[in-house]
Protein backbone atom coordinates (compact mmCIF):
# COMPACT_ATOMS: atom_id res chain seq x y z
CA MET A 1 -59.23 5.39 41.81
CA HIS A 2 -60.42 1.94 40.72
CA ARG A 3 -64.12 1.38 40.22
CA GLN A 4 -64.28 -1.23 42.99
CA THR A 5 -62.49 1.06 45.46
CA ARG A 6 -64.89 3.92 44.66
CA LYS A 7 -67.86 1.59 45.13
CA LYS A 8 -66.62 0.47 48.55
CA LEU A 9 -66.01 4.07 49.62
CA LEU A 10 -69.50 5.10 48.48
CA ASN A 11 -71.08 2.19 50.39
CA PHE A 12 -69.12 3.15 53.52
CA VAL A 13 -70.20 6.82 53.35
CA THR A 14 -73.80 5.80 52.68
CA GLY A 15 -73.75 3.49 55.70
CA ILE A 16 -72.56 6.34 57.93
CA ALA A 17 -75.35 8.60 56.62
CA VAL A 18 -78.00 5.96 57.29
CA ALA A 19 -76.66 5.35 60.79
CA LEU A 20 -76.71 9.07 61.60
CA ALA A 21 -80.24 9.40 60.24
CA ALA A 22 -81.36 6.49 62.42
CA ALA A 23 -79.75 8.11 65.42
CA VAL A 24 -81.72 11.30 64.76
CA VAL A 25 -84.97 9.33 64.60
CA PHE A 26 -84.37 7.73 67.99
CA LEU A 27 -83.02 10.81 69.77
CA PRO A 28 -85.19 11.58 72.81
CA ALA A 29 -87.28 14.72 72.66
CA ALA A 30 -85.82 17.75 74.38
CA GLN A 31 -86.99 18.11 77.95
CA ALA A 32 -89.28 21.00 78.74
CA ALA A 33 -87.88 23.98 80.60
CA PRO A 34 -89.82 25.78 83.35
CA GLY A 35 -91.06 29.28 82.61
CA THR A 36 -93.12 31.87 84.51
CA ALA A 37 -95.58 34.42 83.11
CA THR A 38 -94.54 37.97 84.02
CA SER A 39 -97.99 39.37 83.15
CA ASN A 40 -101.38 38.23 81.92
CA VAL A 41 -100.87 37.16 78.32
CA ASN A 42 -102.89 35.48 75.60
CA VAL A 43 -102.13 31.89 74.63
CA ARG A 44 -102.49 31.58 70.86
CA SER A 45 -102.86 28.68 68.44
CA GLY A 46 -99.71 29.68 66.54
CA PRO A 47 -96.53 31.80 66.88
CA GLY A 48 -97.95 35.24 66.11
CA THR A 49 -100.74 37.71 66.86
CA SER A 50 -102.56 36.67 63.67
CA TYR A 51 -103.44 33.33 65.32
CA GLY A 52 -106.54 32.94 67.46
CA VAL A 53 -106.54 33.22 71.27
CA ILE A 54 -107.21 29.84 72.92
CA ASP A 55 -106.55 30.70 76.58
CA THR A 56 -105.08 33.30 78.94
CA LEU A 57 -101.92 32.77 81.00
CA ARG A 58 -102.07 34.56 84.36
CA ARG A 59 -99.25 36.57 85.88
CA GLY A 60 -97.01 34.34 88.03
CA GLU A 61 -98.38 31.11 86.51
CA GLN A 62 -95.76 28.48 85.69
CA VAL A 63 -95.66 26.53 82.43
CA ASP A 64 -93.42 24.01 80.69
CA VAL A 65 -91.68 25.64 77.73
CA GLN A 66 -91.36 23.00 74.99
CA ARG A 67 -89.59 25.00 72.30
CA CYS A 68 -89.21 28.53 70.92
CA GLN A 69 -89.59 29.89 67.41
CA GLY A 70 -88.64 33.48 66.66
CA SER A 71 -89.97 35.59 69.53
CA TRP A 72 -92.62 33.02 70.54
CA CYS A 73 -92.49 29.89 72.70
CA PHE A 74 -94.72 26.81 72.73
CA VAL A 75 -95.83 26.08 76.31
CA ARG A 76 -97.94 23.55 78.20
CA GLY A 77 -99.88 24.54 81.32
CA ARG A 78 -103.05 23.84 83.29
CA GLY A 79 -104.97 21.84 80.72
CA PHE A 80 -103.84 23.84 77.69
CA SER A 81 -100.97 24.10 75.23
CA GLY A 82 -100.19 26.91 72.81
CA TRP A 83 -97.90 29.76 71.83
CA VAL A 84 -96.99 32.71 74.08
CA SER A 85 -94.94 35.81 73.31
CA ALA A 86 -91.49 35.44 74.92
CA SER A 87 -91.75 39.06 76.10
CA TYR A 88 -94.11 37.80 78.84
CA LEU A 89 -92.00 34.87 80.07
CA ALA A 90 -89.21 34.58 82.62
CA ALA A 91 -86.67 31.77 82.97
CA GLY A 92 -85.13 31.09 86.37
CA GLY A 93 -86.47 34.39 87.71
CA ARG A 94 -84.84 36.39 84.92
CA PRO A 95 -86.52 38.09 81.93
CA VAL A 96 -86.24 36.26 78.63
CA ASN A 97 -84.50 37.88 75.66
CA PRO A 98 -87.39 38.06 73.13
CA SER A 99 -84.98 38.11 70.16
CA ASN A 100 -83.56 34.70 71.13
CA PRO A 101 -85.73 33.15 73.87
CA GLY A 102 -84.50 29.59 73.27
CA LEU A 103 -81.14 30.33 74.87
CA SER A 104 -82.83 31.35 78.12
CA PHE A 105 -84.56 27.97 78.32
CA GLY A 106 -81.54 25.93 77.26
CA PHE A 107 -82.66 25.17 73.69
CA THR A 108 -79.30 25.67 72.00
CA ILE A 109 -79.45 23.17 69.12
CA GLY A 110 -81.96 21.86 66.62
CA GLY A 111 -85.08 23.36 65.15
CA PRO A 112 -88.67 23.81 66.31
CA ASP A 113 -89.52 20.15 65.66
CA GLY A 114 -86.44 18.49 67.21
CA PRO A 115 -82.75 17.94 66.50
CA GLN A 116 -81.41 18.54 63.01
CA VAL A 117 -78.37 16.89 61.41
CA SER A 118 -76.91 17.79 58.02
CA ILE A 119 -74.76 15.31 56.12
CA GLY A 120 -72.75 16.47 53.13
CA ILE A 121 -70.41 14.60 50.77
CA GLY A 122 -68.05 16.83 48.81
CA GLY A 123 -65.01 16.41 46.64
CA GLY A 124 -62.80 19.01 48.36
CA ASN A 125 -60.20 18.30 50.99
CA GLN A 126 -61.60 20.85 53.45
CA PRO A 127 -65.26 21.64 54.13
CA ARG A 128 -66.40 25.12 53.31
CA PRO A 129 -67.00 27.34 56.34
CA PRO A 130 -70.68 28.20 56.85
CA ARG A 131 -71.81 31.54 55.54
CA PRO A 132 -72.94 34.01 58.18
CA GLY A 133 -76.71 34.25 58.30
CA PRO A 134 -78.74 37.43 58.28
CA ARG A 135 -79.00 39.45 61.44
CA PRO A 136 -82.11 38.65 63.45
CA PRO A 137 -84.82 41.30 63.19
CA VAL A 138 -85.40 43.68 66.06
CA ILE A 139 -88.42 42.37 67.97
CA GLN A 140 -90.67 44.99 69.49
CA PRO A 141 -92.29 43.98 72.79
CA VAL A 142 -96.01 43.27 72.74
CA TYR A 143 -98.01 45.02 75.45
CA GLU A 144 -101.35 43.63 76.62
CA VAL A 145 -104.20 44.85 78.78
CA CYS A 146 -106.72 42.47 80.40
CA PHE A 147 -110.31 43.30 81.32
CA TYR A 148 -112.31 41.56 84.10
CA ASP A 149 -116.02 41.36 84.79
CA ARG A 150 -115.45 41.78 88.56
CA THR A 151 -113.50 44.31 90.60
CA ASN A 152 -109.94 43.62 91.82
CA PHE A 153 -109.06 41.68 88.64
CA ARG A 154 -111.35 38.73 89.36
CA GLY A 155 -113.88 36.73 87.38
CA ASN A 156 -114.00 36.15 83.65
CA SER A 157 -111.59 38.13 81.51
CA PHE A 158 -110.22 38.80 78.03
CA CYS A 159 -107.06 40.57 76.86
CA MET A 160 -106.18 42.98 74.05
CA GLU A 161 -102.86 44.10 72.61
CA GLN A 162 -101.66 47.67 72.13
CA GLY A 163 -103.09 49.10 68.92
CA GLU A 164 -106.23 46.94 68.96
CA ALA A 165 -109.77 48.28 69.28
CA ILE A 166 -113.26 46.83 69.70
CA ARG A 167 -115.99 49.11 68.30
CA ASP A 168 -118.81 47.12 69.88
CA LEU A 169 -118.23 44.76 72.84
CA ARG A 170 -121.54 42.98 72.23
CA GLY A 171 -121.61 40.14 74.78
CA TRP A 172 -119.20 42.05 77.04
CA THR A 173 -121.15 45.32 76.94
CA ASP A 174 -121.71 46.75 80.46
CA ARG A 175 -119.73 43.90 82.09
CA ILE A 176 -116.19 45.28 82.60
CA SER A 177 -115.38 46.19 86.22
CA SER A 178 -111.54 46.27 86.45
CA ILE A 179 -108.52 46.70 84.14
CA ASP A 180 -105.08 45.10 84.52
CA ASN A 181 -102.64 47.40 82.68
CA PRO A 182 -99.09 46.67 83.99
CA SER A 183 -97.38 48.11 80.89
CA ARG A 184 -99.17 51.48 81.23
CA VAL A 185 -100.79 51.33 77.80
CA ARG A 186 -103.16 54.20 76.95
CA VAL A 187 -106.62 52.61 77.31
CA GLU A 188 -109.84 54.31 76.27
CA VAL A 189 -113.04 52.77 77.68
CA CYS A 190 -116.25 54.19 76.31
CA SER A 191 -119.82 53.93 77.57
CA GLU A 192 -121.19 53.92 74.01
CA VAL A 193 -120.29 51.96 70.90
CA ALA A 194 -118.02 53.50 68.22
CA PHE A 195 -115.76 55.04 70.94
CA ARG A 196 -118.11 57.74 72.24
CA ASN A 197 -118.21 59.14 75.77
CA CYS A 198 -114.80 57.74 76.71
CA ARG A 199 -112.52 57.73 79.72
CA THR A 200 -108.73 57.16 79.51
CA TYR A 201 -106.62 54.94 81.80
CA THR A 202 -102.83 54.64 81.72
CA THR A 203 -102.52 52.38 84.78
CA SER A 204 -104.37 49.39 86.22
CA ALA A 205 -107.74 50.03 87.84
CA ALA A 206 -109.17 47.67 90.46
CA SER A 207 -112.54 49.42 90.05
CA LEU A 208 -113.90 51.70 87.32
CA GLY A 209 -116.06 53.78 89.66
CA ASP A 210 -119.05 55.24 87.87
CA PHE A 211 -117.90 53.43 84.69
CA ASP A 212 -118.16 50.06 86.49
CA SER A 213 -120.17 47.69 84.27
CA TYR A 214 -120.83 50.58 81.92
CA VAL A 215 -118.43 50.01 78.98
CA ALA A 216 -119.51 49.35 75.38
CA SER A 217 -116.33 49.91 73.32
CA ILE A 218 -112.55 49.89 73.94
CA ARG A 219 -109.51 51.29 72.17
CA LEU A 220 -105.79 50.75 73.04
CA ARG A 221 -103.29 53.28 71.74
């Protein structure tokens, strides 16, 4: 191939790449999909339990799902935005598959920050077929229990995940009056710090009876 012909071909291919890149820049952002919380769940600052809790999403509350990453989805709701475990979201009245929640909300292309386009220039006649990626990991559901400072699941609240424990409730000592436990987690509420003098619940409790406002430490098993 003559040098001039190669130069023209390279300029043509480069022009196509630039045009495609410009198209990606001006693509509109994906529209949000409606989602519904199936239980009380923490809203976190990032996609994982290691991130801090910034709000609590109530059961039945609707949010706009912006995108999903792994088993977590970024949502916007009543004055907040953050990440929620897909195990606690429903799409169109149906449970969301936590191993691939984006499909349930219609996010079928692109990455967590928008559409992605790959442009390759090779010397072969046929492009190589893509290699199969690794199998997605098995995602275990995350179970949460929420605690309220009034009976019948009212008032201020906070939530904990299965396996967590609080040795000393400090500001919440002697304030808990009801427990929302839809996943039937084993909950130990104790009237003394360091998990002493405890009572076990495996269901929700609208009132704690003689333990009402008499809890100093909690452990979820």
